[in-house]
N, C-alpha and C. Protein backbone atom coordinates (compact mmCIF):
# COMPACT_ATOMS: atom_id res chain seq x y z
N MET A 1 -138.37 126.41 -39.51
CA MET A 1 -138.61 127.13 -38.72
C MET A 1 -138.95 128.26 -38.77
N PHE A 2 -139.72 128.49 -37.80
CA PHE A 2 -140.84 130.17 -38.10
C PHE A 2 -140.41 131.41 -36.70
N SER A 3 -140.07 132.22 -37.52
CA SER A 3 -140.02 133.20 -36.97
C SER A 3 -140.28 134.38 -37.34
N ARG A 4 -140.60 135.44 -35.70
CA ARG A 4 -141.09 136.50 -36.20
C ARG A 4 -140.55 137.68 -37.00
N GLU A 5 -139.18 137.39 -36.76
CA GLU A 5 -137.96 138.44 -37.00
C GLU A 5 -137.23 137.66 -38.38
N THR A 6 -136.97 138.22 -39.72
CA THR A 6 -136.18 137.60 -40.50
C THR A 6 -134.69 137.47 -40.21
N CYS A 7 -134.19 135.77 -40.12
CA CYS A 7 -133.05 135.69 -39.70
C CYS A 7 -131.94 136.35 -40.61
N GLN A 8 -131.16 136.81 -40.07
CA GLN A 8 -129.98 137.28 -40.63
C GLN A 8 -129.16 136.12 -40.26
N PRO A 9 -127.93 136.18 -41.60
CA PRO A 9 -126.46 135.51 -41.31
C PRO A 9 -126.09 135.57 -39.54
N GLY A 10 -125.52 134.76 -38.91
CA GLY A 10 -124.78 134.74 -37.41
C GLY A 10 -126.18 135.04 -36.44
N GLY A 11 -127.32 135.83 -36.98
CA GLY A 11 -128.32 136.51 -35.84
C GLY A 11 -129.19 134.87 -35.69
N GLU A 12 -130.69 135.14 -34.89
CA GLU A 12 -131.59 134.42 -34.20
C GLU A 12 -132.96 134.84 -34.73
N GLY A 13 -133.30 133.76 -34.24
CA GLY A 13 -135.07 133.79 -34.95
C GLY A 13 -135.62 134.21 -33.09
N GLU A 14 -136.89 134.36 -33.36
CA GLU A 14 -137.64 134.47 -32.64
C GLU A 14 -139.41 133.72 -32.53
N VAL A 15 -139.42 132.77 -31.84
CA VAL A 15 -140.33 131.31 -32.36
C VAL A 15 -141.46 132.05 -31.28
N PRO A 16 -142.50 132.19 -31.77
CA PRO A 16 -143.52 132.82 -30.94
C PRO A 16 -144.03 131.40 -30.04
N PRO A 17 -144.09 131.21 -28.74
CA PRO A 17 -144.28 130.39 -27.93
C PRO A 17 -145.67 129.34 -28.53
N GLU A 18 -146.80 130.28 -29.01
CA GLU A 18 -147.88 129.39 -29.43
C GLU A 18 -147.34 128.55 -30.55
N ILE A 19 -146.18 129.14 -31.68
CA ILE A 19 -146.06 127.75 -32.55
C ILE A 19 -145.32 126.86 -31.75
N VAL A 20 -144.39 126.98 -30.53
CA VAL A 20 -143.68 125.94 -29.79
C VAL A 20 -144.55 124.83 -29.78
N THR A 21 -145.69 125.22 -28.70
CA THR A 21 -146.46 124.55 -28.03
C THR A 21 -147.33 123.53 -29.45
N ILE A 22 -147.97 124.52 -30.03
CA ILE A 22 -148.34 123.76 -31.43
C ILE A 22 -147.32 122.85 -31.94
N SER A 23 -146.42 122.92 -32.15
CA SER A 23 -144.90 121.84 -32.74
C SER A 23 -144.94 120.41 -31.60
N THR A 24 -145.33 120.88 -30.06
CA THR A 24 -145.31 120.05 -29.39
C THR A 24 -146.52 119.25 -29.12
N VAL A 25 -147.68 119.83 -29.84
CA VAL A 25 -149.10 118.97 -29.43
C VAL A 25 -149.16 118.04 -30.56
N CYS A 26 -148.06 118.45 -32.05
CA CYS A 26 -148.31 117.52 -33.33
C CYS A 26 -147.67 116.50 -32.96
N ALA A 27 -146.17 116.79 -32.36
CA ALA A 27 -145.14 115.63 -32.13
C ALA A 27 -146.21 114.56 -30.94
N GLN A 28 -146.75 115.31 -30.17
CA GLN A 28 -147.61 114.12 -29.09
C GLN A 28 -148.41 113.55 -30.04
N ILE A 29 -149.36 114.18 -30.92
CA ILE A 29 -149.94 113.17 -31.58
C ILE A 29 -149.64 111.97 -32.60
N VAL A 30 -148.64 112.01 -33.29
CA VAL A 30 -147.87 111.60 -34.02
C VAL A 30 -147.51 110.21 -33.06
N GLU A 31 -146.92 110.39 -31.51
CA GLU A 31 -146.40 109.27 -30.64
C GLU A 31 -147.88 108.54 -30.35
N HIS A 32 -148.52 109.19 -30.61
CA HIS A 32 -150.48 108.66 -29.82
C HIS A 32 -150.40 107.68 -30.92
N LEU A 33 -150.79 108.35 -32.10
CA LEU A 33 -150.48 107.11 -33.40
C LEU A 33 -149.73 105.95 -33.74
N ASP A 34 -148.55 105.94 -32.70
CA ASP A 34 -147.73 104.64 -32.88
C ASP A 34 -147.90 104.52 -31.35
N VAL A 35 -148.56 104.36 -30.77
CA VAL A 35 -148.23 103.79 -29.30
C VAL A 35 -148.31 102.11 -29.59
N ASP A 36 -146.82 101.79 -29.15
CA ASP A 36 -146.08 100.85 -28.65
C ASP A 36 -144.90 101.20 -29.59
N GLY A 37 -144.82 101.71 -30.28
CA GLY A 37 -143.43 102.24 -31.03
C GLY A 37 -142.53 103.12 -30.54
N TYR A 38 -141.70 103.89 -30.62
CA TYR A 38 -140.79 104.12 -30.44
C TYR A 38 -140.62 105.70 -30.96
N TYR A 39 -139.92 106.59 -29.81
CA TYR A 39 -139.51 107.79 -30.04
C TYR A 39 -138.20 108.07 -29.70
N GLY A 40 -137.42 109.17 -30.04
CA GLY A 40 -136.19 109.76 -29.10
C GLY A 40 -135.70 110.56 -30.56
N SER A 41 -133.86 110.31 -30.72
CA SER A 41 -133.40 111.22 -31.43
C SER A 41 -133.89 110.48 -33.07
N ILE A 42 -133.78 111.81 -34.17
CA ILE A 42 -134.14 111.26 -35.18
C ILE A 42 -132.89 110.29 -35.72
N HIS A 43 -131.57 110.58 -35.21
CA HIS A 43 -130.37 110.10 -35.58
C HIS A 43 -130.70 108.46 -34.99
N ASP A 44 -131.04 108.10 -34.53
CA ASP A 44 -130.98 106.98 -33.20
C ASP A 44 -132.23 106.53 -34.15
N LEU A 45 -133.43 107.18 -34.63
CA LEU A 45 -134.16 106.17 -35.11
C LEU A 45 -133.83 105.78 -36.46
N LEU A 46 -133.37 106.83 -37.44
CA LEU A 46 -132.58 106.09 -38.80
C LEU A 46 -131.41 105.47 -38.69
N GLN A 47 -130.39 105.52 -37.70
CA GLN A 47 -129.48 104.78 -37.68
C GLN A 47 -130.19 103.63 -37.30
N THR A 48 -131.18 102.92 -36.71
CA THR A 48 -131.68 101.60 -36.44
C THR A 48 -132.65 101.27 -37.69
N LEU A 49 -133.62 102.16 -38.29
CA LEU A 49 -134.43 101.33 -39.20
C LEU A 49 -133.87 101.34 -40.33
N THR A 50 -132.76 101.94 -41.20
CA THR A 50 -131.85 101.84 -41.77
C THR A 50 -131.20 100.31 -42.09
N ASP A 51 -131.48 99.78 -40.91
CA ASP A 51 -130.74 98.03 -41.21
C ASP A 51 -132.19 97.65 -41.68
N ASP A 52 -131.81 97.06 -43.05
CA ASP A 52 -133.36 96.48 -43.31
C ASP A 52 -134.09 95.37 -42.66
N SER A 53 -133.24 94.75 -41.81
CA SER A 53 -133.91 93.62 -41.49
C SER A 53 -134.35 94.24 -40.20
N LEU A 54 -134.33 94.94 -39.01
CA LEU A 54 -134.65 95.62 -38.22
C LEU A 54 -136.16 96.62 -38.74
N PHE A 55 -135.81 97.01 -39.89
CA PHE A 55 -136.90 97.92 -40.16
C PHE A 55 -137.69 97.30 -40.93
N GLN A 56 -137.63 96.26 -41.43
CA GLN A 56 -138.70 94.73 -41.77
C GLN A 56 -139.86 94.51 -40.29
N LYS A 57 -138.79 94.19 -39.65
CA LYS A 57 -139.46 93.47 -38.16
C LYS A 57 -140.39 94.85 -37.54
N TYR A 58 -139.94 95.64 -37.50
CA TYR A 58 -140.70 96.79 -36.85
C TYR A 58 -141.74 97.31 -37.97
N ALA A 59 -142.00 97.21 -39.33
CA ALA A 59 -142.86 97.34 -40.08
C ALA A 59 -144.05 96.74 -40.55
N SER A 60 -143.73 95.39 -39.68
CA SER A 60 -144.56 94.30 -39.76
C SER A 60 -145.02 94.33 -38.27
N GLY A 61 -144.98 95.17 -37.56
CA GLY A 61 -145.58 94.90 -36.19
C GLY A 61 -144.62 93.91 -35.17
N GLY A 62 -143.83 93.78 -35.26
CA GLY A 62 -142.37 93.29 -34.46
C GLY A 62 -141.61 94.35 -33.46
N LYS A 63 -141.31 93.86 -32.53
CA LYS A 63 -140.71 94.57 -31.28
C LYS A 63 -138.78 94.29 -31.41
N ILE A 64 -138.42 95.67 -31.65
CA ILE A 64 -137.05 95.86 -31.98
C ILE A 64 -136.63 97.09 -30.76
N ARG A 65 -135.25 96.87 -30.66
CA ARG A 65 -134.46 97.24 -29.79
C ARG A 65 -133.81 98.38 -29.93
N ILE A 66 -133.82 99.40 -29.57
CA ILE A 66 -133.29 100.44 -30.50
C ILE A 66 -132.87 101.97 -29.38
N LYS A 67 -132.04 102.39 -29.30
CA LYS A 67 -131.65 103.86 -28.39
C LYS A 67 -132.87 104.50 -28.52
N SER A 68 -133.88 104.26 -27.63
CA SER A 68 -134.58 104.68 -27.92
C SER A 68 -135.70 104.73 -26.62
N TYR A 69 -137.22 105.26 -26.77
CA TYR A 69 -138.26 105.15 -25.48
C TYR A 69 -139.27 104.77 -26.15
N PRO A 70 -139.98 103.83 -25.49
CA PRO A 70 -141.25 103.46 -26.34
C PRO A 70 -142.81 104.87 -26.24
N THR A 71 -143.31 104.47 -27.37
CA THR A 71 -144.50 105.87 -27.38
C THR A 71 -145.59 105.12 -26.11
N LYS A 72 -145.87 105.92 -25.83
CA LYS A 72 -147.04 105.82 -24.86
C LYS A 72 -148.62 106.61 -25.35
N PRO A 73 -149.73 106.05 -25.02
CA PRO A 73 -151.13 106.93 -24.79
C PRO A 73 -151.12 107.84 -23.98
N LEU A 74 -151.85 108.71 -25.38
CA LEU A 74 -151.72 110.06 -25.07
C LEU A 74 -152.75 110.52 -23.89
N PRO A 75 -152.55 110.85 -22.88
CA PRO A 75 -153.00 111.30 -21.60
C PRO A 75 -153.95 112.74 -21.71
N GLY A 76 -153.32 113.28 -22.26
CA GLY A 76 -153.59 114.80 -22.10
C GLY A 76 -152.67 115.52 -23.33
N LEU A 77 -152.97 116.54 -23.41
CA LEU A 77 -151.92 117.57 -24.05
C LEU A 77 -151.01 118.90 -23.25
N PRO A 78 -149.75 119.04 -23.82
CA PRO A 78 -149.15 119.95 -22.38
C PRO A 78 -149.50 121.58 -23.32
N VAL A 79 -150.47 121.93 -22.48
CA VAL A 79 -150.96 123.15 -23.18
C VAL A 79 -150.66 123.96 -22.28
N PRO A 80 -150.12 125.45 -21.85
CA PRO A 80 -150.15 126.20 -20.74
C PRO A 80 -151.79 126.70 -20.80
N PRO A 81 -152.54 127.53 -19.68
CA PRO A 81 -153.89 127.81 -20.04
C PRO A 81 -153.89 129.46 -21.25
N GLU A 82 -152.83 130.11 -21.25
CA GLU A 82 -152.92 130.68 -21.57
C GLU A 82 -153.05 130.85 -23.32
N GLN A 83 -152.69 129.34 -23.70
CA GLN A 83 -152.55 129.17 -25.23
C GLN A 83 -153.74 128.17 -25.64
N GLN A 84 -154.68 127.59 -24.66
CA GLN A 84 -155.14 126.49 -24.99
C GLN A 84 -156.75 126.90 -26.13
N GLU A 85 -156.67 128.29 -26.42
CA GLU A 85 -157.95 128.68 -27.02
C GLU A 85 -157.25 129.02 -28.51
N ILE A 86 -156.08 129.14 -28.86
CA ILE A 86 -155.40 129.37 -30.25
C ILE A 86 -155.17 127.54 -30.46
N VAL A 87 -154.83 126.72 -29.69
CA VAL A 87 -154.34 125.24 -29.79
C VAL A 87 -155.78 124.75 -30.09
N GLN A 88 -156.64 125.02 -29.25
CA GLN A 88 -157.76 124.33 -29.99
C GLN A 88 -158.32 124.75 -31.10
N GLU A 89 -158.24 125.76 -31.52
CA GLU A 89 -158.64 126.61 -33.04
C GLU A 89 -157.65 125.51 -34.09
N PHE A 90 -156.67 125.33 -33.60
CA PHE A 90 -155.65 124.70 -34.48
C PHE A 90 -156.20 123.71 -34.52
N LEU A 91 -156.41 122.69 -33.63
CA LEU A 91 -157.02 121.58 -33.50
C LEU A 91 -158.35 120.99 -34.38
N GLU A 92 -159.07 122.06 -33.87
CA GLU A 92 -160.44 122.21 -34.72
C GLU A 92 -160.21 121.79 -36.04
N ARG A 93 -159.59 122.94 -36.56
CA ARG A 93 -159.06 122.71 -37.72
C ARG A 93 -158.22 121.74 -38.70
N LEU A 94 -157.16 121.16 -37.56
CA LEU A 94 -156.08 119.87 -38.77
C LEU A 94 -157.66 118.55 -38.22
N PHE A 95 -158.45 118.54 -37.00
CA PHE A 95 -159.06 117.52 -37.33
C PHE A 95 -160.14 117.33 -38.10
N LYS A 96 -160.45 118.34 -38.72
CA LYS A 96 -161.65 118.76 -39.71
C LYS A 96 -160.59 118.12 -41.38
N THR A 97 -159.92 118.38 -41.53
CA THR A 97 -159.05 118.38 -42.61
C THR A 97 -159.12 117.42 -43.37
N ASP A 98 -159.17 117.60 -45.04
CA ASP A 98 -159.78 116.04 -45.80
C ASP A 98 -158.16 115.72 -45.63
N CYS A 99 -158.57 113.81 -45.56
CA CYS A 99 -157.39 113.04 -45.54
C CYS A 99 -158.26 112.08 -46.25
N GLU A 100 -157.85 111.94 -47.92
CA GLU A 100 -157.93 111.32 -49.09
C GLU A 100 -159.73 110.45 -48.72
N GLY A 101 -160.63 111.53 -48.44
CA GLY A 101 -162.07 111.47 -48.20
C GLY A 101 -162.31 111.16 -46.63
N MET A 102 -161.29 111.05 -45.85
CA MET A 102 -161.91 111.19 -44.82
C MET A 102 -161.46 112.10 -43.80
N THR A 103 -161.76 112.97 -42.96
CA THR A 103 -161.26 113.70 -41.84
C THR A 103 -160.13 113.60 -41.49
N PHE A 104 -158.90 113.99 -41.03
CA PHE A 104 -157.87 113.50 -40.25
C PHE A 104 -158.49 113.13 -38.95
N ARG A 105 -159.37 113.46 -38.09
CA ARG A 105 -159.84 112.60 -37.02
C ARG A 105 -160.02 111.27 -37.26
N GLU A 106 -160.89 111.01 -38.50
CA GLU A 106 -161.06 109.89 -38.52
C GLU A 106 -160.45 108.89 -39.04
N LYS A 107 -159.23 109.43 -39.88
CA LYS A 107 -157.66 108.82 -40.24
C LYS A 107 -157.28 108.23 -39.15
N MET A 108 -156.96 109.22 -38.26
CA MET A 108 -156.45 109.04 -36.59
C MET A 108 -157.46 108.08 -36.51
N ALA A 109 -158.38 107.94 -36.09
CA ALA A 109 -159.03 106.72 -35.55
C ALA A 109 -158.96 105.45 -35.93
N ALA A 110 -158.68 105.29 -37.80
CA ALA A 110 -158.50 103.90 -38.41
C ALA A 110 -157.03 103.65 -38.12
N ILE A 111 -156.37 104.26 -37.77
CA ILE A 111 -154.82 104.07 -37.68
C ILE A 111 -154.52 103.35 -36.16
N ARG A 112 -155.50 104.15 -35.53
CA ARG A 112 -155.28 103.72 -33.77
C ARG A 112 -156.86 103.86 -33.01
N ASP A 113 -157.79 102.74 -32.32
CA ASP A 113 -158.53 102.95 -32.12
C ASP A 113 -158.63 103.42 -30.92
N ALA A 114 -158.84 105.27 -30.34
CA ALA A 114 -158.70 105.72 -29.33
C ALA A 114 -159.56 106.96 -29.50
N PRO A 115 -159.65 107.11 -28.68
CA PRO A 115 -160.46 108.71 -28.55
C PRO A 115 -159.60 109.99 -28.81
N PHE A 116 -159.94 110.49 -29.64
CA PHE A 116 -158.89 112.11 -29.83
C PHE A 116 -159.68 113.47 -29.51
């Protein structure tokens, strides 16, 4: 959790809207990488994937039925116009980050053959 104010017991945090948008963008990137996989609540995913036979089937590329939704290719990112510059700066830095001798963008392309 990120907050502009230090949270006190019983209090609440104040998350900058840019952080909420960047978190959403990151979730969209993960969904894009796992196209034809599943997304949903962490509880439903973990409950299903802790079943060893279902996990093995899913890990080997097989289709399984869980209380979730199939992932879809990323058509774009949900970014309000007033946040596009800061999100673009974040993405440029993210895509240039080193990941085991490859940039994050190259690593993503190696995982899923699609433009980023």
